[in-house]
Amino acid sequence: MMKTKRCRCSPEFKAKVAKQTHKGIKTTQQIAKEFEVHPAQASDWKKVLVENFAGVFEKGAANSSAKVLSTERNNLNASIRDLMVKLEFLTKKSKQLGL
């Protein structure tokens, strides 16, 4: 049995497949065959799409996601600064010890 390389699908592709399955014009099997994905995967993407419909109409949805990204970015920058300080310290000490 030959293994195939795992496909990494873009969010746009996933949305396109989910939208087609949600329309209900074709069966999930037909859509999965057309887009060359597993039918269970197409159903999963449809479920995610349906679950997140309400988020589109929330007023603060875009702002809240931007706040989350900003907070995450700040946390990552703080971690990077901390690691840089530790790296400088260890580099200095290793030179002093002749390593």
Protein backbone atom coordinates (compact mmCIF):
# COMPACT_ATOMS: atom_id res chain seq x y z
CA MET A 1 0.00 0.00 0.00
CA MET A 2 1.48 3.31 -1.08
CA LYS A 3 1.21 6.26 1.28
CA THR A 4 0.30 9.61 -0.18
CA LYS A 5 1.50 12.95 1.07
CA ARG A 6 -0.94 14.67 3.39
CA CYS A 7 -2.72 17.57 1.74
CA ARG A 8 -2.76 20.94 3.51
CA CYS A 9 -5.86 22.75 2.37
CA SER A 10 -6.20 26.50 2.49
CA PRO A 11 -9.02 28.12 4.47
CA GLU A 12 -10.48 29.41 1.20
CA PHE A 13 -10.64 25.89 -0.22
CA LYS A 14 -12.24 24.55 2.96
CA ALA A 15 -14.83 27.34 2.88
CA LYS A 16 -15.59 26.61 -0.77
CA VAL A 17 -16.16 22.90 -0.08
CA ALA A 18 -18.22 23.62 3.05
CA LYS A 19 -20.36 26.14 1.18
CA GLN A 20 -21.07 23.63 -1.57
CA THR A 21 -22.06 20.93 0.93
CA HIS A 22 -24.28 23.37 2.80
CA LYS A 23 -26.15 24.36 -0.36
CA GLY A 24 -27.42 20.82 -0.69
CA ILE A 25 -27.56 20.84 -4.49
CA LYS A 26 -25.20 17.86 -4.72
CA THR A 27 -24.59 15.07 -2.24
CA THR A 28 -21.57 15.18 0.03
CA GLN A 29 -20.18 12.18 -1.85
CA GLN A 30 -20.38 14.03 -5.17
CA ILE A 31 -18.78 17.17 -3.77
CA ALA A 32 -16.01 15.19 -2.08
CA LYS A 33 -15.23 13.40 -5.35
CA GLU A 34 -15.29 16.69 -7.27
CA PHE A 35 -12.86 18.40 -4.88
CA GLU A 36 -10.82 15.22 -4.23
CA VAL A 37 -11.32 15.15 -0.46
CA HIS A 38 -12.74 12.51 1.86
CA PRO A 39 -16.52 12.78 2.38
CA ALA A 40 -16.08 12.81 6.16
CA GLN A 41 -13.71 15.78 5.82
CA ALA A 42 -16.25 17.68 3.72
CA SER A 43 -18.91 16.99 6.36
CA ASP A 44 -16.59 18.17 9.13
CA TRP A 45 -15.89 21.43 7.30
CA LYS A 46 -19.63 21.93 6.79
CA LYS A 47 -20.22 21.42 10.52
CA VAL A 48 -17.56 24.01 11.39
CA LEU A 49 -19.12 26.44 8.92
CA VAL A 50 -22.61 26.01 10.38
CA GLU A 51 -21.33 26.35 13.97
CA ASN A 52 -19.57 29.62 13.16
CA PHE A 53 -22.41 31.28 11.24
CA ALA A 54 -23.48 33.30 14.28
CA GLY A 55 -20.00 34.76 14.72
CA VAL A 56 -20.27 36.56 11.40
CA PHE A 57 -23.07 38.78 12.67
CA GLU A 58 -21.63 39.62 16.08
CA LYS A 59 -20.65 43.29 16.32
CA GLY A 60 -17.40 42.80 18.19
CA ALA A 61 -16.27 39.66 16.41
CA ALA A 62 -13.61 41.35 14.29
CA ASN A 63 -12.41 43.51 17.16
CA SER A 64 -12.26 40.62 19.61
CA SER A 65 -10.18 38.51 17.22
CA ALA A 66 -7.86 41.47 16.66
CA LYS A 67 -7.51 41.90 20.44
CA VAL A 68 -6.73 38.21 20.87
CA LEU A 69 -4.09 38.39 18.13
CA SER A 70 -2.60 41.52 19.64
CA THR A 71 -2.42 39.94 23.09
CA GLU A 72 -0.86 36.80 21.66
CA ARG A 73 1.69 38.87 19.71
CA ASN A 74 2.63 40.78 22.87
CA ASN A 75 3.06 37.52 24.81
CA LEU A 76 5.25 36.08 22.07
CA ASN A 77 7.38 39.23 21.94
CA ALA A 78 7.86 39.07 25.72
CA SER A 79 8.91 35.42 25.43
CA ILE A 80 11.37 36.28 22.67
CA ARG A 81 12.90 39.06 24.77
CA ASP A 82 13.22 36.69 27.73
CA LEU A 83 14.89 34.04 25.58
CA MET A 84 17.28 36.61 24.10
CA VAL A 85 18.38 37.68 27.59
CA LYS A 86 18.94 34.06 28.59
CA LEU A 87 20.88 33.38 25.38
CA GLU A 88 23.15 36.38 25.93
CA PHE A 89 23.78 35.30 29.52
CA LEU A 90 24.60 31.72 28.56
CA THR A 91 26.83 32.84 25.68
CA LYS A 92 28.76 35.14 28.02
CA LYS A 93 29.15 32.44 30.69
CA SER A 94 30.21 29.76 28.20
CA LYS A 95 32.95 32.09 26.89
CA GLN A 96 34.10 32.73 30.44
CA LEU A 97 34.30 29.00 31.11
CA GLY A 98 36.07 28.37 27.81
CA LEU A 99 33.37 26.20 26.33
